Amino acid sequence: MRQLSTGTRTLYPGSQFRGKQSSGAKDYEVVINLQHVDLEDSYLCGYLHIHNLTLEIPGLTTFFDTEVIRR
């Protein structure tokens, strides 16, 4: 998923990003919801939702936490 840089002003708890992820010939709608953002400690976490995966698994939500390595 690509997002044009808008600085850090869009990184706050509750912010949401929508886009698509491509894998082979298929595109998946993805939504990222940020839960906690602490740029002073270079940390953020949230949920990644992937929609329309397969007939058996129509959607998947996973939690992530990460270190911001560059601002």
PDB file of N, CA and C in Angstrom:
ATOM      1  N   MET A   1       0.848  -1.154   0.000  1.00  0.00           N
ATOM      2  CA  MET A   1       0.000   0.000   0.000  1.00  0.00           C
ATOM      3  C   MET A   1       0.899   1.223   0.000  1.00  0.00           C
ATOM      4  N   ARG A   2       0.616   2.177  -0.845  1.00  0.00           N
ATOM      5  CA  ARG A   2       1.389   3.407  -0.934  1.00  0.00           C
ATOM      6  C   ARG A   2       0.559   4.586  -0.494  1.00  0.00           C
ATOM      7  N   GLN A   3       1.186   5.453   0.239  1.00  0.00           N
ATOM      8  CA  GLN A   3       0.539   6.685   0.680  1.00  0.00           C
ATOM      9  C   GLN A   3       1.551   7.797   0.481  1.00  0.00           C
ATOM     10  N   LEU A   4       1.133   8.885  -0.137  1.00  0.00           N
ATOM     11  CA  LEU A   4       2.018  10.025  -0.283  1.00  0.00           C
ATOM     12  C   LEU A   4       2.329  10.602   1.087  1.00  0.00           C
ATOM     13  N   SER A   5       3.559  11.001   1.273  1.00  0.00           N
ATOM     14  CA  SER A   5       3.977  11.546   2.553  1.00  0.00           C
ATOM     15  C   SER A   5       3.256  12.853   2.851  1.00  0.00           C
ATOM     16  N   THR A   6       2.688  12.917   4.024  1.00  0.00           N
ATOM     17  CA  THR A   6       2.045  14.147   4.487  1.00  0.00           C
ATOM     18  C   THR A   6       2.655  14.565   5.814  1.00  0.00           C
ATOM     19  N   GLY A   7       3.880  14.114   6.079  1.00  0.00           N
ATOM     20  CA  GLY A   7       4.501  14.404   7.361  1.00  0.00           C
ATOM     21  C   GLY A   7       3.904  13.520   8.432  1.00  0.00           C
ATOM     22  N   THR A   8       3.974  13.978   9.656  1.00  0.00           N
ATOM     23  CA  THR A   8       3.456  13.166  10.763  1.00  0.00           C
ATOM     24  C   THR A   8       2.122  13.669  11.286  1.00  0.00           C
ATOM     25  N   ARG A   9       1.567  14.707  10.698  1.00  0.00           N
ATOM     26  CA  ARG A   9       0.322  15.269  11.236  1.00  0.00           C
ATOM     27  C   ARG A   9      -0.878  14.334  11.074  1.00  0.00           C
ATOM     28  N   THR A  10      -0.788  13.323  10.229  1.00  0.00           N
ATOM     29  CA  THR A  10      -1.893  12.370  10.076  1.00  0.00           C
ATOM     30  C   THR A  10      -1.731  11.151  10.982  1.00  0.00           C
ATOM     31  N   LEU A  11      -0.643  11.101  11.737  1.00  0.00           N
ATOM     32  CA  LEU A  11      -0.398   9.968  12.627  1.00  0.00           C
ATOM     33  C   LEU A  11      -0.851  10.324  14.038  1.00  0.00           C
ATOM     34  N   TYR A  12      -2.072   9.913  14.371  1.00  0.00           N
ATOM     35  CA  TYR A  12      -2.622  10.161  15.702  1.00  0.00           C
ATOM     36  C   TYR A  12      -3.578   9.017  16.031  1.00  0.00           C
ATOM     37  N   PRO A  13      -3.816   8.734  17.307  1.00  0.00           N
ATOM     38  CA  PRO A  13      -4.740   7.663  17.665  1.00  0.00           C
ATOM     39  C   PRO A  13      -6.111   7.899  17.027  1.00  0.00           C
ATOM     40  N   GLY A  14      -6.631   6.877  16.380  1.00  0.00           N
ATOM     41  CA  GLY A  14      -7.926   6.979  15.721  1.00  0.00           C
ATOM     42  C   GLY A  14      -7.840   7.289  14.237  1.00  0.00           C
ATOM     43  N   SER A  15      -6.657   7.648  13.746  1.00  0.00           N
ATOM     44  CA  SER A  15      -6.569   7.929  12.307  1.00  0.00           C
ATOM     45  C   SER A  15      -6.706   6.632  11.516  1.00  0.00           C
ATOM     46  N   GLN A  16      -7.241   6.762  10.322  1.00  0.00           N
ATOM     47  CA  GLN A  16      -7.544   5.607   9.482  1.00  0.00           C
ATOM     48  C   GLN A  16      -7.001   5.850   8.080  1.00  0.00           C
ATOM     49  N   PHE A  17      -6.439   4.796   7.508  1.00  0.00           N
ATOM     50  CA  PHE A  17      -5.908   4.841   6.152  1.00  0.00           C
ATOM     51  C   PHE A  17      -6.545   3.718   5.353  1.00  0.00           C
ATOM     52  N   ARG A  18      -6.980   4.024   4.150  1.00  0.00           N
ATOM     53  CA  ARG A  18      -7.590   3.033   3.263  1.00  0.00           C
ATOM     54  C   ARG A  18      -6.763   2.928   1.994  1.00  0.00           C
ATOM     55  N   GLY A  19      -6.718   1.726   1.460  1.00  0.00           N
ATOM     56  CA  GLY A  19      -5.970   1.528   0.226  1.00  0.00           C
ATOM     57  C   GLY A  19      -6.170   0.122  -0.283  1.00  0.00           C
ATOM     58  N   LYS A  20      -5.244  -0.320  -1.113  1.00  0.00           N
ATOM     59  CA  LYS A  20      -5.316  -1.689  -1.604  1.00  0.00           C
ATOM     60  C   LYS A  20      -3.930  -2.291  -1.605  1.00  0.00           C
ATOM     61  N   GLN A  21      -3.919  -3.592  -1.438  1.00  0.00           N
ATOM     62  CA  GLN A  21      -2.691  -4.363  -1.466  1.00  0.00           C
ATOM     63  C   GLN A  21      -2.811  -5.326  -2.628  1.00  0.00           C
ATOM     64  N   SER A  22      -1.787  -5.399  -3.442  1.00  0.00           N
ATOM     65  CA  SER A  22      -1.796  -6.287  -4.602  1.00  0.00           C
ATOM     66  C   SER A  22      -0.951  -7.512  -4.316  1.00  0.00           C
ATOM     67  N   SER A  23      -1.480  -8.657  -4.716  1.00  0.00           N
ATOM     68  CA  SER A  23      -0.749  -9.910  -4.605  1.00  0.00           C
ATOM     69  C   SER A  23      -1.038 -10.701  -5.869  1.00  0.00           C
ATOM     70  N   GLY A  24      -0.053 -10.802  -6.731  1.00  0.00           N
ATOM     71  CA  GLY A  24      -0.288 -11.449  -8.016  1.00  0.00           C
ATOM     72  C   GLY A  24      -1.264 -10.631  -8.829  1.00  0.00           C
ATOM     73  N   ALA A  25      -2.316 -11.285  -9.308  1.00  0.00           N
ATOM     74  CA  ALA A  25      -3.315 -10.605 -10.140  1.00  0.00           C
ATOM     75  C   ALA A  25      -4.495 -10.084  -9.321  1.00  0.00           C
ATOM     76  N   LYS A  26      -4.456 -10.267  -8.006  1.00  0.00           N
ATOM     77  CA  LYS A  26      -5.598  -9.883  -7.177  1.00  0.00           C
ATOM     78  C   LYS A  26      -5.260  -8.691  -6.290  1.00  0.00           C
ATOM     79  N   ASP A  27      -6.244  -7.800  -6.135  1.00  0.00           N
ATOM     80  CA  ASP A  27      -6.126  -6.654  -5.238  1.00  0.00           C
ATOM     81  C   ASP A  27      -7.045  -6.858  -4.042  1.00  0.00           C
ATOM     82  N   TYR A  28      -6.579  -6.454  -2.881  1.00  0.00           N
ATOM     83  CA  TYR A  28      -7.351  -6.570  -1.655  1.00  0.00           C
ATOM     84  C   TYR A  28      -7.522  -5.189  -1.043  1.00  0.00           C
ATOM     85  N   GLU A  29      -8.737  -4.886  -0.612  1.00  0.00           N
ATOM     86  CA  GLU A  29      -8.984  -3.634   0.094  1.00  0.00           C
ATOM     87  C   GLU A  29      -8.421  -3.773   1.503  1.00  0.00           C
ATOM     88  N   VAL A  30      -7.659  -2.783   1.937  1.00  0.00           N
ATOM     89  CA  VAL A  30      -7.103  -2.804   3.285  1.00  0.00           C
ATOM     90  C   VAL A  30      -7.452  -1.507   4.007  1.00  0.00           C
ATOM     91  N   VAL A  31      -7.619  -1.625   5.307  1.00  0.00           N
ATOM     92  CA  VAL A  31      -7.883  -0.470   6.164  1.00  0.00           C
ATOM     93  C   VAL A  31      -6.948  -0.585   7.360  1.00  0.00           C
ATOM     94  N   ILE A  32      -6.255   0.496   7.669  1.00  0.00           N
ATOM     95  CA  ILE A  32      -5.374   0.547   8.829  1.00  0.00           C
ATOM     96  C   ILE A  32      -5.957   1.548   9.817  1.00  0.00           C
ATOM     97  N   ASN A  33      -6.149   1.097  11.051  1.00  0.00           N
ATOM     98  CA  ASN A  33      -6.632   1.959  12.130  1.00  0.00           C
ATOM     99  C   ASN A  33      -5.536   2.064  13.184  1.00  0.00           C
ATOM    100  N   LEU A  34      -5.045   3.274  13.414  1.00  0.00           N
ATOM    101  CA  LEU A  34      -4.020   3.467  14.436  1.00  0.00           C
ATOM    102  C   LEU A  34      -4.676   3.583  15.805  1.00  0.00           C
ATOM    103  N   GLN A  35      -4.115   2.874  16.780  1.00  0.00           N
ATOM    104  CA  GLN A  35      -4.651   2.875  18.138  1.00  0.00           C
ATOM    105  C   GLN A  35      -3.818   3.735  19.083  1.00  0.00           C
ATOM    106  N   HIS A  36      -2.504   3.628  18.977  1.00  0.00           N
ATOM    107  CA  HIS A  36      -1.604   4.366  19.869  1.00  0.00           C
ATOM    108  C   HIS A  36      -0.452   4.916  19.042  1.00  0.00           C
ATOM    109  N   VAL A  37      -0.155   6.177  19.223  1.00  0.00           N
ATOM    110  CA  VAL A  37       0.941   6.829  18.503  1.00  0.00           C
ATOM    111  C   VAL A  37       1.773   7.607  19.515  1.00  0.00           C
ATOM    112  N   ASP A  38       3.059   7.278  19.570  1.00  0.00           N
ATOM    113  CA  ASP A  38       3.993   8.000  20.434  1.00  0.00           C
ATOM    114  C   ASP A  38       5.256   8.258  19.618  1.00  0.00           C
ATOM    115  N   LEU A  39       5.289   9.366  18.906  1.00  0.00           N
ATOM    116  CA  LEU A  39       6.413   9.658  18.023  1.00  0.00           C
ATOM    117  C   LEU A  39       7.682  10.001  18.795  1.00  0.00           C
ATOM    118  N   GLU A  40       7.546  10.490  20.016  1.00  0.00           N
ATOM    119  CA  GLU A  40       8.743  10.759  20.824  1.00  0.00           C
ATOM    120  C   GLU A  40       9.480   9.474  21.153  1.00  0.00           C
ATOM    121  N   ASP A  41       8.738   8.384  21.350  1.00  0.00           N
ATOM    122  CA  ASP A  41       9.342   7.069  21.589  1.00  0.00           C
ATOM    123  C   ASP A  41       9.413   6.231  20.316  1.00  0.00           C
ATOM    124  N   SER A  42       9.100   6.814  19.167  1.00  0.00           N
ATOM    125  CA  SER A  42       9.153   6.139  17.857  1.00  0.00           C
ATOM    126  C   SER A  42       8.303   4.873  17.830  1.00  0.00           C
ATOM    127  N   TYR A  43       7.088   4.944  18.366  1.00  0.00           N
ATOM    128  CA  TYR A  43       6.230   3.762  18.480  1.00  0.00           C
ATOM    129  C   TYR A  43       4.831   4.073  17.984  1.00  0.00           C
ATOM    130  N   LEU A  44       4.251   3.095  17.288  1.00  0.00           N
ATOM    131  CA  LEU A  44       2.821   3.146  16.993  1.00  0.00           C
ATOM    132  C   LEU A  44       2.294   1.735  16.853  1.00  0.00           C
ATOM    133  N   CYS A  45       0.981   1.586  17.074  1.00  0.00           N
ATOM    134  CA  CYS A  45       0.343   0.286  16.938  1.00  0.00           C
ATOM    135  C   CYS A  45      -1.078   0.493  16.435  1.00  0.00           C
ATOM    136  N   GLY A  46      -1.662  -0.597  15.955  1.00  0.00           N
ATOM    137  CA  GLY A  46      -3.023  -0.517  15.453  1.00  0.00           C
ATOM    138  C   GLY A  46      -3.461  -1.822  14.821  1.00  0.00           C
ATOM    139  N   TYR A  47      -4.490  -1.733  13.993  1.00  0.00           N
ATOM    140  CA  TYR A  47      -5.075  -2.903  13.350  1.00  0.00           C
ATOM    141  C   TYR A  47      -5.042  -2.756  11.839  1.00  0.00           C
ATOM    142  N   LEU A  48      -4.747  -3.852  11.177  1.00  0.00           N
ATOM    143  CA  LEU A  48      -4.777  -3.943   9.720  1.00  0.00           C
ATOM    144  C   LEU A  48      -5.921  -4.878   9.353  1.00  0.00           C
ATOM    145  N   HIS A  49      -6.885  -4.373   8.596  1.00  0.00           N
ATOM    146  CA  HIS A  49      -8.037  -5.163   8.145  1.00  0.00           C
ATOM    147  C   HIS A  49      -7.877  -5.415   6.641  1.00  0.00           C
ATOM    148  N   ILE A  50      -7.971  -6.678   6.245  1.00  0.00           N
ATOM    149  CA  ILE A  50      -7.922  -7.040   4.826  1.00  0.00           C
ATOM    150  C   ILE A  50      -9.284  -7.612   4.461  1.00  0.00           C
ATOM    151  N   HIS A  51      -9.888  -7.089   3.399  1.00  0.00           N
ATOM    152  CA  HIS A  51     -11.228  -7.502   2.982  1.00  0.00           C
ATOM    153  C   HIS A  51     -11.171  -8.342   1.706  1.00  0.00           C
ATOM    154  N   ASN A  52     -12.165  -9.238   1.546  1.00  0.00           N
ATOM    155  CA  ASN A  52     -12.338 -10.063   0.342  1.00  0.00           C
ATOM    156  C   ASN A  52     -11.137 -10.956   0.057  1.00  0.00           C
ATOM    157  N   LEU A  53     -10.641 -11.617   1.097  1.00  0.00           N
ATOM    158  CA  LEU A  53      -9.513 -12.526   0.913  1.00  0.00           C
ATOM    159  C   LEU A  53      -9.904 -13.739   0.078  1.00  0.00           C
ATOM    160  N   THR A  54     -10.744 -14.591   0.645  1.00  0.00           N
ATOM    161  CA  THR A  54     -11.214 -15.794  -0.045  1.00  0.00           C
ATOM    162  C   THR A  54     -12.678 -16.005   0.324  1.00  0.00           C
ATOM    163  N   LEU A  55     -13.310 -16.966  -0.311  1.00  0.00           N
ATOM    164  CA  LEU A  55     -14.689 -17.298   0.052  1.00  0.00           C
ATOM    165  C   LEU A  55     -14.756 -17.841   1.477  1.00  0.00           C
ATOM    166  N   GLU A  56     -13.751 -18.640   1.865  1.00  0.00           N
ATOM    167  CA  GLU A  56     -13.726 -19.224   3.201  1.00  0.00           C
ATOM    168  C   GLU A  56     -13.362 -18.193   4.271  1.00  0.00           C
ATOM    169  N   ILE A  57     -12.489 -17.269   3.920  1.00  0.00           N
ATOM    170  CA  ILE A  57     -12.049 -16.227   4.853  1.00  0.00           C
ATOM    171  C   ILE A  57     -12.289 -14.876   4.189  1.00  0.00           C
ATOM    172  N   PRO A  58     -13.487 -14.312   4.363  1.00  0.00           N
ATOM    173  CA  PRO A  58     -13.812 -13.068   3.665  1.00  0.00           C
ATOM    174  C   PRO A  58     -13.046 -11.853   4.179  1.00  0.00           C
ATOM    175  N   GLY A  59     -12.574 -11.919   5.406  1.00  0.00           N
ATOM    176  CA  GLY A  59     -11.824 -10.796   5.957  1.00  0.00           C
ATOM    177  C   GLY A  59     -10.898 -11.260   7.058  1.00  0.00           C
ATOM    178  N   LEU A  60      -9.873 -10.481   7.300  1.00  0.00           N
ATOM    179  CA  LEU A  60      -8.898 -10.828   8.324  1.00  0.00           C
ATOM    180  C   LEU A  60      -8.445  -9.540   8.993  1.00  0.00           C
ATOM    181  N   THR A  61      -8.363  -9.567  10.310  1.00  0.00           N
ATOM    182  CA  THR A  61      -7.873  -8.423  11.068  1.00  0.00           C
ATOM    183  C   THR A  61      -6.679  -8.875  11.885  1.00  0.00           C
ATOM    184  N   THR A  62      -5.619  -8.103  11.842  1.00  0.00           N
ATOM    185  CA  THR A  62      -4.425  -8.421  12.613  1.00  0.00           C
ATOM    186  C   THR A  62      -3.932  -7.175  13.338  1.00  0.00           C
ATOM    187  N   PHE A  63      -3.383  -7.383  14.526  1.00  0.00           N
ATOM    188  CA  PHE A  63      -2.815  -6.294  15.317  1.00  0.00           C
ATOM    189  C   PHE A  63      -1.345  -6.148  14.959  1.00  0.00           C
ATOM    190  N   PHE A  64      -0.858  -4.933  14.918  1.00  0.00           N
ATOM    191  CA  PHE A  64       0.572  -4.707  14.693  1.00  0.00           C
ATOM    192  C   PHE A  64       1.081  -3.659  15.672  1.00  0.00           C
ATOM    193  N   ASP A  65       2.341  -3.794  16.035  1.00  0.00           N
ATOM    194  CA  ASP A  65       3.022  -2.707  16.730  1.00  0.00           C
ATOM    195  C   ASP A  65       4.390  -2.569  16.085  1.00  0.00           C
ATOM    196  N   THR A  66       4.846  -1.342  15.991  1.00  0.00           N
ATOM    197  CA  THR A  66       6.033  -1.095  15.194  1.00  0.00           C
ATOM    198  C   THR A  66       6.854   0.057  15.751  1.00  0.00           C
ATOM    199  N   GLU A  67       8.093   0.067  15.350  1.00  0.00           N
ATOM    200  CA  GLU A  67       8.990   1.159  15.687  1.00  0.00           C
ATOM    201  C   GLU A  67       9.133   2.057  14.467  1.00  0.00           C
ATOM    202  N   VAL A  68       8.981   3.345  14.658  1.00  0.00           N
ATOM    203  CA  VAL A  68       9.190   4.309  13.583  1.00  0.00           C
ATOM    204  C   VAL A  68      10.695   4.503  13.463  1.00  0.00           C
ATOM    205  N   ILE A  69      11.257   4.191  12.291  1.00  0.00           N
ATOM    206  CA  ILE A  69      12.708   4.255  12.159  1.00  0.00           C
ATOM    207  C   ILE A  69      13.199   5.506  11.443  1.00  0.00           C
ATOM    208  N   ARG A  70      12.267   6.269  10.874  1.00  0.00           N
ATOM    209  CA  ARG A  70      12.669   7.492  10.180  1.00  0.00           C
ATOM    210  C   ARG A  70      11.503   8.458  10.149  1.00  0.00           C
ATOM    211  N   ARG A  71      11.740   9.705  10.385  1.00  0.00           N
ATOM    212  CA  ARG A  71      10.686  10.715  10.329  1.00  0.00           C
ATOM    213  C   ARG A  71      10.990  11.709   9.259  1.00  0.00           C
TER     214      ARG A  71
END
